[in-house]
N, C-alpha and C. Protein backbone atom coordinates (compact mmCIF):
# COMPACT_ATOMS: atom_id res chain seq x y z
N UNK A 1 104.25 47.45 125.23
CA UNK A 1 104.74 46.29 124.42
C UNK A 1 104.53 44.87 125.09
N UNK A 2 104.80 44.91 126.41
CA UNK A 2 104.86 43.44 127.06
C UNK A 2 103.15 43.08 127.06
N UNK A 3 102.44 44.04 127.31
CA UNK A 3 100.81 43.75 127.18
C UNK A 3 100.41 43.28 126.05
N UNK A 4 100.90 43.93 124.89
CA UNK A 4 100.47 43.38 123.58
C UNK A 4 100.96 41.96 123.24
N UNK A 5 102.36 41.97 123.71
CA UNK A 5 103.05 40.66 123.74
C UNK A 5 102.44 39.48 124.35
N UNK A 6 102.37 39.71 125.63
CA UNK A 6 101.86 38.64 126.60
C UNK A 6 100.50 38.40 126.69
N UNK A 7 99.47 39.41 126.04
CA UNK A 7 97.96 39.04 126.13
C UNK A 7 97.44 39.15 124.76
N UNK A 8 97.38 40.66 124.22
CA UNK A 8 96.62 40.83 123.13
C UNK A 8 96.81 40.12 121.80
N UNK A 9 98.38 39.83 121.59
CA UNK A 9 98.82 39.13 120.43
C UNK A 9 98.05 37.74 120.45
N UNK A 10 98.14 37.08 121.48
CA UNK A 10 97.61 35.60 121.61
C UNK A 10 96.07 35.67 121.39
N UNK A 11 95.27 36.75 122.00
CA UNK A 11 93.93 37.09 121.73
C UNK A 11 93.65 37.38 120.31
N UNK A 12 94.46 38.07 119.64
CA UNK A 12 94.25 38.19 118.09
C UNK A 12 94.42 37.16 117.39
N UNK A 13 95.43 36.28 117.61
CA UNK A 13 95.65 35.05 117.13
C UNK A 13 94.40 34.25 117.08
N UNK A 14 93.79 34.05 118.43
CA UNK A 14 92.81 32.99 118.52
C UNK A 14 91.55 33.45 117.62
N UNK A 15 91.14 34.76 117.69
CA UNK A 15 89.90 35.30 117.08
C UNK A 15 90.25 35.24 115.47
N UNK A 16 91.43 35.69 115.01
CA UNK A 16 91.81 35.74 113.62
C UNK A 16 91.86 34.37 112.86
N UNK A 17 92.59 33.45 113.72
CA UNK A 17 92.66 31.90 112.96
C UNK A 17 91.43 31.13 113.09
N UNK A 18 90.52 31.49 114.13
CA UNK A 18 89.34 30.50 114.42
C UNK A 18 88.23 31.20 113.16
N UNK A 19 88.35 32.57 112.96
CA UNK A 19 87.43 33.04 111.92
C UNK A 19 87.91 32.83 110.47
N UNK A 20 89.17 32.72 110.31
CA UNK A 20 89.68 32.57 109.19
C UNK A 20 89.37 30.96 108.79
N UNK A 21 89.61 29.96 109.68
CA UNK A 21 89.26 28.86 109.41
C UNK A 21 87.70 28.37 108.98
N UNK A 22 87.10 29.30 109.81
CA UNK A 22 85.38 29.14 109.22
C UNK A 22 85.06 29.66 107.93
N UNK A 23 85.71 30.95 107.65
CA UNK A 23 85.21 31.47 106.46
C UNK A 23 85.92 30.84 105.30
N UNK A 24 87.24 30.13 105.47
CA UNK A 24 87.87 29.70 104.41
C UNK A 24 87.46 28.11 104.03
N UNK A 25 86.67 27.56 105.13
CA UNK A 25 86.70 26.02 105.03
C UNK A 25 86.30 25.40 103.87
N UNK A 26 85.42 26.09 103.01
CA UNK A 26 85.10 25.45 101.64
C UNK A 26 86.07 25.55 100.70
N UNK A 27 86.76 26.67 100.74
CA UNK A 27 88.01 26.87 99.63
C UNK A 27 89.15 25.85 100.26
N UNK A 28 89.22 25.66 101.62
CA UNK A 28 90.41 24.75 101.95
C UNK A 28 89.94 23.32 101.42
N UNK A 29 88.81 23.10 101.81
CA UNK A 29 88.41 21.70 101.25
C UNK A 29 88.68 21.50 99.83
N UNK A 30 88.39 22.48 98.87
CA UNK A 30 88.59 22.10 97.39
C UNK A 30 89.90 21.93 97.14
N UNK A 31 90.94 22.61 97.84
CA UNK A 31 92.39 22.74 97.62
C UNK A 31 92.90 21.21 98.06
N UNK A 32 92.28 20.71 99.22
CA UNK A 32 92.62 19.57 99.86
C UNK A 32 92.36 18.43 98.71
N UNK A 33 91.13 18.57 98.03
CA UNK A 33 90.86 17.44 97.00
C UNK A 33 91.73 17.59 95.85
N UNK A 34 92.08 18.88 95.60
CA UNK A 34 92.90 19.37 94.28
C UNK A 34 94.19 18.57 94.37
N UNK A 35 94.76 18.88 95.68
CA UNK A 35 96.27 18.43 95.80
C UNK A 35 96.23 16.99 95.99
N UNK A 36 95.15 16.28 96.36
CA UNK A 36 95.09 14.80 96.67
C UNK A 36 95.13 14.19 95.29
N UNK A 37 94.48 14.79 94.25
CA UNK A 37 94.35 14.30 93.00
C UNK A 37 95.72 14.28 92.24
N UNK A 38 96.29 15.71 92.51
CA UNK A 38 97.55 15.89 91.90
C UNK A 38 98.86 15.33 92.40
N UNK A 39 98.56 14.92 93.57
CA UNK A 39 99.89 14.04 94.37
C UNK A 39 99.45 12.43 94.15
N UNK A 40 98.64 12.11 93.34
CA UNK A 40 98.33 10.68 93.07
C UNK A 40 97.99 9.98 94.12
N UNK A 41 97.24 10.36 95.17
CA UNK A 41 97.05 9.68 96.26
C UNK A 41 97.93 9.66 97.47
N UNK A 42 98.97 10.60 97.25
CA UNK A 42 99.99 10.67 98.34
C UNK A 42 99.52 11.54 99.54
N UNK A 43 98.39 12.09 99.44
CA UNK A 43 97.97 12.95 100.29
C UNK A 43 97.84 14.49 100.10
N UNK A 44 97.22 15.23 100.88
CA UNK A 44 97.00 16.64 100.63
C UNK A 44 97.97 17.42 101.58
N UNK A 45 98.16 16.65 102.74
CA UNK A 45 98.67 17.46 103.91
C UNK A 45 100.08 16.82 104.26
N UNK A 46 101.00 17.86 104.63
CA UNK A 46 102.18 17.65 104.98
C UNK A 46 102.38 17.93 106.56
N UNK A 47 102.69 16.78 107.51
CA UNK A 47 103.09 17.05 108.79
C UNK A 47 104.45 16.74 109.09
N UNK A 48 105.06 17.86 109.87
CA UNK A 48 106.53 17.36 110.22
C UNK A 48 106.58 17.96 111.75
N UNK A 49 107.61 17.61 112.44
CA UNK A 49 107.80 18.16 113.71
C UNK A 49 108.83 19.34 113.53
N UNK A 50 108.45 20.51 114.28
CA UNK A 50 109.33 21.59 114.14
C UNK A 50 109.32 22.43 115.71
N UNK A 51 110.38 23.03 116.06
CA UNK A 51 110.54 23.47 117.34
C UNK A 51 109.57 24.86 117.19
N UNK A 52 109.04 25.03 118.36
CA UNK A 52 108.28 26.30 118.75
C UNK A 52 108.87 27.11 119.58
N UNK A 53 107.92 27.77 120.49
CA UNK A 53 108.63 28.76 121.57
C UNK A 53 109.23 27.97 122.52
N UNK A 54 110.39 28.42 122.77
CA UNK A 54 111.21 27.65 123.98
C UNK A 54 111.91 26.30 123.34
N UNK A 55 111.73 26.25 122.25
CA UNK A 55 112.33 25.11 121.48
C UNK A 55 111.29 23.72 121.62
N UNK A 56 110.22 23.81 122.06
CA UNK A 56 109.17 23.11 122.40
C UNK A 56 108.76 22.39 121.03
N UNK A 57 108.70 21.02 120.76
CA UNK A 57 108.56 20.43 119.27
C UNK A 57 106.88 20.27 119.42
N UNK A 58 106.63 20.51 118.08
CA UNK A 58 105.08 20.44 117.71
C UNK A 58 105.19 19.92 116.37
N UNK A 59 104.02 19.54 115.83
CA UNK A 59 103.73 19.13 114.43
C UNK A 59 103.13 20.19 113.61
N UNK A 60 103.72 20.78 112.53
CA UNK A 60 103.22 21.84 111.61
C UNK A 60 102.57 21.22 110.61
N UNK A 61 101.34 21.80 110.27
CA UNK A 61 100.60 21.21 109.01
C UNK A 61 100.54 22.21 108.03
N UNK A 62 100.96 21.79 106.88
CA UNK A 62 100.89 22.39 105.68
C UNK A 62 100.30 21.60 104.56
N UNK A 63 99.83 22.45 103.47
CA UNK A 63 99.32 21.57 102.31
C UNK A 63 100.63 21.12 101.74
N UNK A 64 100.63 19.60 101.22
CA UNK A 64 101.66 19.28 100.46
C UNK A 64 101.61 19.41 98.85
N UNK A 65 102.72 20.10 98.68
CA UNK A 65 103.08 20.76 97.28
C UNK A 65 103.85 19.74 96.46
N UNK A 66 104.50 18.70 97.18
CA UNK A 66 105.45 17.86 96.27
C UNK A 66 104.85 16.32 96.32
N UNK A 67 105.30 15.54 95.29
CA UNK A 67 104.88 14.28 95.33
C UNK A 67 105.75 13.46 95.85
N UNK A 68 105.54 12.41 96.17
CA UNK A 68 106.61 11.32 96.79
C UNK A 68 107.38 10.47 95.76
N UNK A 69 107.58 11.16 94.46
CA UNK A 69 108.34 10.44 93.37
C UNK A 69 109.80 10.01 93.95
N UNK A 70 110.23 8.97 93.57
CA UNK A 70 111.58 8.66 93.91
C UNK A 70 112.31 7.91 92.74
N UNK A 71 113.62 7.92 93.02
CA UNK A 71 114.64 7.42 91.72
C UNK A 71 114.55 5.98 91.89
N UNK A 72 115.35 5.16 90.80
CA UNK A 72 115.30 3.81 90.81
C UNK A 72 115.84 3.20 92.19
N UNK A 73 116.53 3.92 92.97
CA UNK A 73 117.11 3.57 94.42
C UNK A 73 116.27 3.48 95.55
N UNK A 74 115.23 4.16 94.99
CA UNK A 74 114.05 4.36 96.26
C UNK A 74 114.46 5.81 96.84
N UNK A 75 115.31 6.63 96.45
CA UNK A 75 115.39 8.11 97.26
C UNK A 75 114.60 8.92 96.43
N UNK A 76 114.22 10.01 97.34
CA UNK A 76 113.20 10.98 96.94
C UNK A 76 113.98 11.90 95.71
N UNK A 77 113.24 12.07 94.69
CA UNK A 77 113.82 13.09 93.68
C UNK A 77 114.00 14.60 94.20
N UNK A 78 114.99 15.21 93.65
CA UNK A 78 115.12 16.43 94.14
C UNK A 78 113.82 17.40 94.18
N UNK A 79 113.75 18.45 95.04
CA UNK A 79 112.43 19.26 95.26
C UNK A 79 111.89 19.84 93.88
N UNK A 80 112.87 20.33 92.92
CA UNK A 80 112.40 20.88 91.79
C UNK A 80 111.60 19.79 90.95
N UNK A 81 112.02 18.47 90.96
CA UNK A 81 111.38 17.54 90.30
C UNK A 81 110.02 16.91 91.06
N UNK A 82 110.04 17.17 92.19
CA UNK A 82 108.83 16.51 92.87
C UNK A 82 107.66 17.63 92.95
N UNK A 83 108.07 18.99 92.67
CA UNK A 83 107.06 19.98 92.96
C UNK A 83 106.01 19.85 91.75
N UNK A 84 104.82 19.46 91.98
CA UNK A 84 104.00 19.43 90.83
C UNK A 84 103.27 20.91 90.27
N UNK A 85 102.71 20.68 89.42
CA UNK A 85 102.13 22.12 88.69
C UNK A 85 101.41 22.68 89.69
N UNK A 86 100.34 21.90 90.17
CA UNK A 86 99.33 22.46 91.35
C UNK A 86 100.19 22.87 92.63
N UNK A 87 101.17 22.14 92.82
CA UNK A 87 101.93 22.42 93.89
C UNK A 87 102.67 23.81 93.93
N UNK A 88 103.18 23.93 92.70
CA UNK A 88 103.82 25.32 92.37
C UNK A 88 102.97 26.42 92.53
N UNK A 89 101.65 26.24 92.11
CA UNK A 89 100.60 27.37 92.21
C UNK A 89 100.32 27.55 93.72
N UNK A 90 100.20 26.44 94.42
CA UNK A 90 99.81 26.72 95.74
C UNK A 90 100.73 27.31 96.48
N UNK A 91 102.13 27.02 96.22
CA UNK A 91 103.36 27.59 96.94
C UNK A 91 103.54 29.20 96.64
N UNK A 92 103.44 29.28 95.39
CA UNK A 92 103.44 30.78 94.83
C UNK A 92 102.48 31.85 95.32
N UNK A 93 101.28 31.19 95.74
CA UNK A 93 100.19 32.03 96.15
C UNK A 93 100.23 31.82 97.79
N UNK A 94 101.27 31.18 98.42
CA UNK A 94 101.08 31.15 99.94
C UNK A 94 99.87 30.25 100.48
N UNK A 95 99.19 29.76 99.55
CA UNK A 95 98.05 28.79 100.00
C UNK A 95 98.56 27.79 100.80
N UNK A 96 99.87 27.30 100.56
CA UNK A 96 100.31 25.92 101.36
C UNK A 96 100.15 26.16 102.69
N UNK A 97 100.53 27.54 103.27
CA UNK A 97 100.37 27.93 104.58
C UNK A 97 99.42 28.03 105.33
N UNK A 98 98.26 27.97 104.75
CA UNK A 98 96.86 28.38 105.51
C UNK A 98 96.50 27.13 106.44
N UNK A 99 96.92 26.02 106.37
CA UNK A 99 96.54 24.92 107.19
C UNK A 99 97.21 25.09 108.61
N UNK A 100 98.14 26.20 108.57
CA UNK A 100 98.76 26.33 109.75
C UNK A 100 97.89 27.05 110.77
N UNK A 101 96.86 27.72 110.25
CA UNK A 101 95.88 28.41 110.91
C UNK A 101 95.30 27.58 112.14
N UNK A 102 95.58 26.28 111.97
CA UNK A 102 95.13 25.29 113.09
C UNK A 102 96.27 25.27 114.09
N UNK A 103 97.37 25.44 113.66
CA UNK A 103 98.48 25.49 114.74
C UNK A 103 98.34 26.70 115.57
N UNK A 104 98.13 27.66 114.83
CA UNK A 104 97.93 29.13 115.50
C UNK A 104 96.63 29.06 116.60
N UNK A 105 95.55 28.39 116.13
CA UNK A 105 94.46 28.46 116.89
C UNK A 105 94.71 27.44 118.17
N UNK A 106 95.68 26.33 118.17
CA UNK A 106 95.91 25.42 119.06
C UNK A 106 96.91 26.15 120.01
N UNK A 107 97.73 26.96 119.48
CA UNK A 107 98.71 27.90 120.24
C UNK A 107 100.04 27.28 120.08
N UNK A 108 100.29 26.48 119.18
CA UNK A 108 101.66 26.13 118.78
C UNK A 108 102.41 27.19 117.96
N UNK A 109 101.53 28.15 117.21
CA UNK A 109 102.20 29.16 116.69
C UNK A 109 101.40 30.49 116.60
N UNK A 110 102.05 31.53 115.99
CA UNK A 110 101.09 32.74 115.97
C UNK A 110 100.92 33.17 114.48
N UNK A 111 100.39 34.19 114.35
CA UNK A 111 100.02 34.56 112.96
C UNK A 111 101.17 34.98 112.33
N UNK A 112 101.98 35.87 113.15
CA UNK A 112 103.43 36.44 112.90
C UNK A 112 104.41 36.10 113.97
N UNK A 113 105.45 35.71 113.48
CA UNK A 113 106.89 35.28 113.98
C UNK A 113 107.78 34.58 113.28
N UNK A 114 108.80 34.27 113.81
CA UNK A 114 109.81 33.68 112.92
C UNK A 114 109.43 32.35 112.53
N UNK A 115 109.64 32.01 111.16
CA UNK A 115 109.06 30.71 110.50
C UNK A 115 109.83 29.38 111.38
N UNK A 116 108.87 28.42 111.63
CA UNK A 116 109.23 27.27 112.30
C UNK A 116 110.09 26.68 111.28
N UNK A 117 111.48 26.10 111.74
CA UNK A 117 112.41 25.35 110.67
C UNK A 117 112.47 24.09 111.30
N UNK A 118 113.34 23.16 110.78
CA UNK A 118 113.58 21.85 110.89
C UNK A 118 114.27 21.73 112.20
N UNK A 119 113.70 20.45 113.00
CA UNK A 119 114.43 20.10 114.24
C UNK A 119 115.84 20.06 114.25
N UNK A 120 116.29 19.32 113.19
CA UNK A 120 117.78 19.07 113.06
C UNK A 120 118.62 20.25 113.10
N UNK A 121 118.00 21.49 112.93
CA UNK A 121 118.80 22.63 112.78
C UNK A 121 119.20 23.22 114.12
N UNK A 122 118.44 22.48 115.09
CA UNK A 122 118.58 22.93 116.73
C UNK A 122 120.06 23.02 117.06
N UNK A 123 120.79 22.15 117.02
CA UNK A 123 122.04 22.15 117.62
C UNK A 123 123.13 23.02 116.70
N UNK A 124 122.55 23.49 115.59
CA UNK A 124 123.52 24.29 114.65
C UNK A 124 123.62 25.82 115.06
N UNK A 125 122.50 26.21 115.57
CA UNK A 125 122.19 27.70 115.90
C UNK A 125 123.42 28.16 116.92
N UNK A 126 123.59 29.45 116.64
CA UNK A 126 124.62 29.95 117.53
C UNK A 126 123.59 30.53 118.78
N UNK A 127 124.08 30.94 119.72
CA UNK A 127 123.28 31.48 121.00
C UNK A 127 122.48 32.67 120.62
N UNK A 128 122.83 33.62 119.67
CA UNK A 128 122.03 34.52 119.04
C UNK A 128 120.96 34.04 118.33
N UNK A 129 121.47 33.37 117.38
CA UNK A 129 120.25 32.77 116.64
C UNK A 129 119.38 31.89 117.41
N UNK A 130 119.60 31.28 118.22
CA UNK A 130 118.58 30.56 119.05
C UNK A 130 117.59 31.30 119.64
N UNK A 131 117.73 32.70 119.95
CA UNK A 131 116.85 33.60 120.24
C UNK A 131 115.59 33.96 119.70
N UNK A 132 115.81 33.32 118.34
CA UNK A 132 114.39 33.04 117.69
C UNK A 132 113.29 32.55 118.33
N UNK A 133 113.67 31.64 119.14
CA UNK A 133 112.69 30.55 119.71
C UNK A 133 112.09 31.32 120.95
N UNK A 134 112.50 32.54 121.41
CA UNK A 134 111.97 33.33 122.48
C UNK A 134 110.48 33.48 122.32
N UNK A 135 110.02 33.53 120.93
CA UNK A 135 108.57 33.64 120.63
C UNK A 135 107.99 32.56 120.11
N UNK A 136 106.72 32.56 119.90
CA UNK A 136 106.02 31.58 118.94
C UNK A 136 106.34 31.97 117.69
N UNK A 137 106.59 30.83 116.84
CA UNK A 137 106.85 30.75 115.56
C UNK A 137 105.59 31.20 114.62
N UNK A 138 105.65 31.84 113.42
CA UNK A 138 104.53 32.54 112.74
C UNK A 138 104.42 31.93 111.50
N UNK A 139 103.19 32.05 111.04
CA UNK A 139 102.94 31.74 109.49
C UNK A 139 103.69 32.82 108.73
N UNK A 140 103.85 34.04 108.88
CA UNK A 140 104.63 34.82 108.25
C UNK A 140 105.32 35.71 109.26
N UNK A 141 106.35 36.52 108.88
CA UNK A 141 107.27 37.01 109.79
C UNK A 141 108.05 38.06 109.21
N UNK A 142 109.01 38.72 109.94
CA UNK A 142 109.92 39.69 109.58
C UNK A 142 110.62 39.42 108.50
N UNK A 143 111.17 38.37 108.48
CA UNK A 143 112.17 37.78 107.53
C UNK A 143 111.40 37.27 106.11
N UNK A 144 110.19 36.96 106.38
CA UNK A 144 109.44 36.86 105.11
C UNK A 144 109.25 38.07 104.32
N UNK A 145 109.03 38.97 105.06
CA UNK A 145 108.77 40.53 104.34
C UNK A 145 110.08 40.88 103.71
N UNK A 146 111.19 40.53 104.07
CA UNK A 146 112.49 41.04 103.67
C UNK A 146 113.28 40.20 103.04
N UNK A 147 112.74 39.18 102.23
CA UNK A 147 113.54 38.25 101.39
C UNK A 147 112.90 36.71 101.34
N UNK A 148 112.28 36.38 102.28
CA UNK A 148 111.84 35.02 102.29
C UNK A 148 112.96 34.02 102.16
N UNK A 149 112.61 33.32 101.01
CA UNK A 149 113.85 32.23 100.61
C UNK A 149 114.94 32.83 99.61
N UNK A 150 114.80 34.04 99.42
CA UNK A 150 115.88 34.76 98.28
C UNK A 150 116.89 35.32 99.16
N UNK A 151 116.99 35.20 100.48
CA UNK A 151 118.02 35.84 101.44
C UNK A 151 118.98 34.70 101.80
N UNK A 152 120.03 34.93 102.39
CA UNK A 152 120.66 33.89 103.05
C UNK A 152 120.34 33.56 104.41
N UNK A 153 120.67 32.56 104.84
CA UNK A 153 120.53 31.94 106.17
C UNK A 153 120.69 32.92 107.36
N UNK A 154 122.06 33.54 107.04
CA UNK A 154 122.47 34.28 108.40
C UNK A 154 121.62 35.55 108.22
N UNK A 155 121.13 36.16 107.07
CA UNK A 155 120.52 37.37 107.03
C UNK A 155 119.14 37.11 107.62
N UNK A 156 118.57 35.88 107.36
CA UNK A 156 117.25 35.42 107.69
C UNK A 156 117.13 35.45 109.46
N UNK A 157 118.35 34.90 109.82
CA UNK A 157 118.18 34.76 111.35
C UNK A 157 118.45 36.22 112.09
N UNK A 158 119.28 36.95 111.41
CA UNK A 158 119.23 38.39 111.91
C UNK A 158 117.86 39.06 111.91
N UNK A 159 117.27 38.98 110.85
CA UNK A 159 115.77 39.51 110.89
C UNK A 159 114.92 38.94 111.96
N UNK A 160 115.03 37.41 112.08
CA UNK A 160 114.30 36.83 113.07
C UNK A 160 114.54 37.53 114.44
N UNK A 161 115.76 37.50 114.81
CA UNK A 161 116.13 38.09 116.22
C UNK A 161 115.61 39.52 116.22
N UNK A 162 115.73 40.28 115.29
CA UNK A 162 115.39 41.77 115.32
C UNK A 162 113.81 41.89 115.70
N UNK A 163 113.24 41.03 115.09
CA UNK A 163 111.54 40.81 115.32
C UNK A 163 111.59 40.58 116.77
N UNK A 164 112.18 39.42 117.43
CA UNK A 164 112.14 39.11 118.94
C UNK A 164 112.31 40.46 119.68
N UNK A 165 113.11 41.37 119.33
CA UNK A 165 113.46 42.42 120.09
C UNK A 165 112.55 43.62 119.82
N UNK A 166 111.84 43.64 118.71
CA UNK A 166 111.00 44.61 118.49
C UNK A 166 109.59 44.22 118.08
N UNK A 167 109.24 43.45 118.93
CA UNK A 167 107.77 42.78 118.77
C UNK A 167 106.95 43.77 119.42
N UNK A 168 105.78 44.23 118.51
CA UNK A 168 105.10 45.26 118.99
C UNK A 168 103.86 45.29 117.94
N UNK A 169 102.64 46.03 118.23
CA UNK A 169 101.56 45.83 117.33
C UNK A 169 101.84 46.62 116.16
N UNK A 170 102.61 47.49 116.04
CA UNK A 170 102.86 48.11 114.75
C UNK A 170 103.87 47.33 113.99
N UNK A 171 104.76 46.92 114.58
CA UNK A 171 105.53 45.80 113.78
C UNK A 171 104.89 44.89 113.08
N UNK A 172 103.84 44.18 113.83
CA UNK A 172 103.02 43.23 113.34
C UNK A 172 102.07 43.45 112.12
N UNK A 173 101.67 44.95 112.34
CA UNK A 173 100.61 45.51 111.40
C UNK A 173 101.86 45.47 110.09
N UNK A 174 102.83 45.83 110.10
CA UNK A 174 103.72 46.04 109.00
C UNK A 174 103.97 44.86 108.31
N UNK A 175 104.01 43.72 109.20
CA UNK A 175 104.54 42.48 108.54
C UNK A 175 103.01 41.90 107.81
N UNK A 176 102.01 42.27 108.44
CA UNK A 176 100.70 41.82 107.63
C UNK A 176 100.63 42.42 106.34
N UNK A 177 100.87 43.63 106.37
CA UNK A 177 100.75 44.61 105.19
C UNK A 177 101.82 44.33 104.03
N UNK A 178 102.90 44.17 104.60
CA UNK A 178 104.21 43.50 103.55
C UNK A 178 103.88 42.20 102.98
N UNK A 179 103.32 41.22 103.75
CA UNK A 179 103.07 40.06 103.24
C UNK A 179 101.86 39.94 102.18
N UNK A 180 101.03 40.78 102.54
CA UNK A 180 99.97 40.96 101.40
C UNK A 180 100.41 41.19 100.20
N UNK A 181 101.51 42.29 100.30
CA UNK A 181 102.07 42.67 99.03
C UNK A 181 102.93 41.71 98.04
N UNK A 182 103.59 41.06 99.10
CA UNK A 182 104.54 39.82 98.67
C UNK A 182 103.70 38.73 98.02
N UNK A 183 102.56 38.22 98.76
CA UNK A 183 101.66 37.20 98.21
C UNK A 183 101.09 37.65 96.82
N UNK A 184 100.93 39.04 96.73
CA UNK A 184 100.02 39.36 95.53
C UNK A 184 101.19 39.40 94.38
N UNK A 185 102.38 39.77 94.71
CA UNK A 185 103.34 39.69 93.55
C UNK A 185 104.06 38.35 93.55
N UNK A 186 103.76 37.32 94.33
CA UNK A 186 104.28 36.00 94.30
C UNK A 186 106.01 36.34 94.48
N UNK A 187 106.60 37.01 95.16
CA UNK A 187 107.84 37.40 95.26
C UNK A 187 108.70 36.63 96.28
N UNK A 188 109.94 36.25 96.10
CA UNK A 188 110.80 35.59 97.06
C UNK A 188 110.48 34.10 97.25
N UNK A 189 109.47 33.46 96.34
CA UNK A 189 109.39 31.99 96.65
C UNK A 189 110.42 31.23 96.56
N UNK A 190 111.62 31.13 95.89
CA UNK A 190 112.71 30.37 95.83
C UNK A 190 113.83 31.08 96.14
N UNK A 191 115.05 30.19 96.40
CA UNK A 191 116.29 30.88 96.47
C UNK A 191 117.05 30.96 95.20
N UNK A 192 118.10 31.26 95.03
CA UNK A 192 118.80 31.49 93.73
C UNK A 192 119.14 30.17 93.26
N UNK A 193 119.27 29.21 93.99
CA UNK A 193 119.76 27.77 93.52
C UNK A 193 118.87 26.67 93.81
N UNK A 194 117.54 26.91 94.34
CA UNK A 194 116.84 25.89 94.85
C UNK A 194 115.28 26.33 94.47
N UNK A 195 114.51 25.32 94.31
CA UNK A 195 112.86 25.45 94.21
C UNK A 195 112.43 26.05 95.60
N UNK A 196 113.06 25.63 96.46
CA UNK A 196 112.74 26.05 97.83
C UNK A 196 113.74 26.85 98.57
N UNK A 197 114.25 26.21 99.41
CA UNK A 197 115.58 26.74 100.20
C UNK A 197 116.71 25.77 100.48
N UNK A 198 117.82 26.09 100.19
CA UNK A 198 118.79 25.40 100.76
C UNK A 198 118.92 24.71 102.10
N UNK A 199 119.43 23.61 102.54
CA UNK A 199 119.43 23.12 103.86
C UNK A 199 120.44 24.11 104.53
N UNK A 200 120.12 24.30 105.91
CA UNK A 200 121.10 24.86 106.69
C UNK A 200 122.02 24.00 107.41
N UNK A 201 123.39 24.57 107.22
CA UNK A 201 124.39 23.55 107.92
C UNK A 201 125.11 24.21 108.93
N UNK A 202 124.58 25.54 109.24
CA UNK A 202 125.60 26.12 110.34
C UNK A 202 126.47 26.94 109.74
N UNK A 203 126.64 27.02 108.46
CA UNK A 203 127.88 27.96 108.00
C UNK A 203 127.17 29.00 107.00
N UNK A 204 125.97 28.65 106.34
CA UNK A 204 125.57 29.42 105.01
C UNK A 204 124.48 30.54 105.94
């Protein structure tokens, strides 16, 4: 397990992400143009600081699926109102995650691991929940395979920590196969009460 975790996993990440970026370069360029038009010039990419392994901050890159539409007071509208039709399709097919292949190639992320969450959540984690940062965050992970945005934060963190303790080649293979099935079914994209996922406040 240690040999895979400390060497082979990273080697696989480099080869797989580099190859995928090369093969998908034209489709990614087409999606970039499509989103740029749909977002009315607001851009096709979304960059945000997220904590990685050991809590180190990096900038995650995703396709931007929401417009910057604001209300009369200048505040951003709710996610459900800013999510464009194109963005909804890109999210439901998980295409929005593909630019993170660049983060994987750079070493900020892994193909598989706990999803990188918001920096503002860092002080809200319990010591057990914070163990999710003992490994690189991933494009997909054990929690995504078992509910994604349709499960509670508490359950999501339990699954993230389980992955940290059971990180093996076999586990990663299970994640890849399950992720493919989830993407094809477009399952668990939203929570029961939100177009994406409710903010974590330390209690939910």
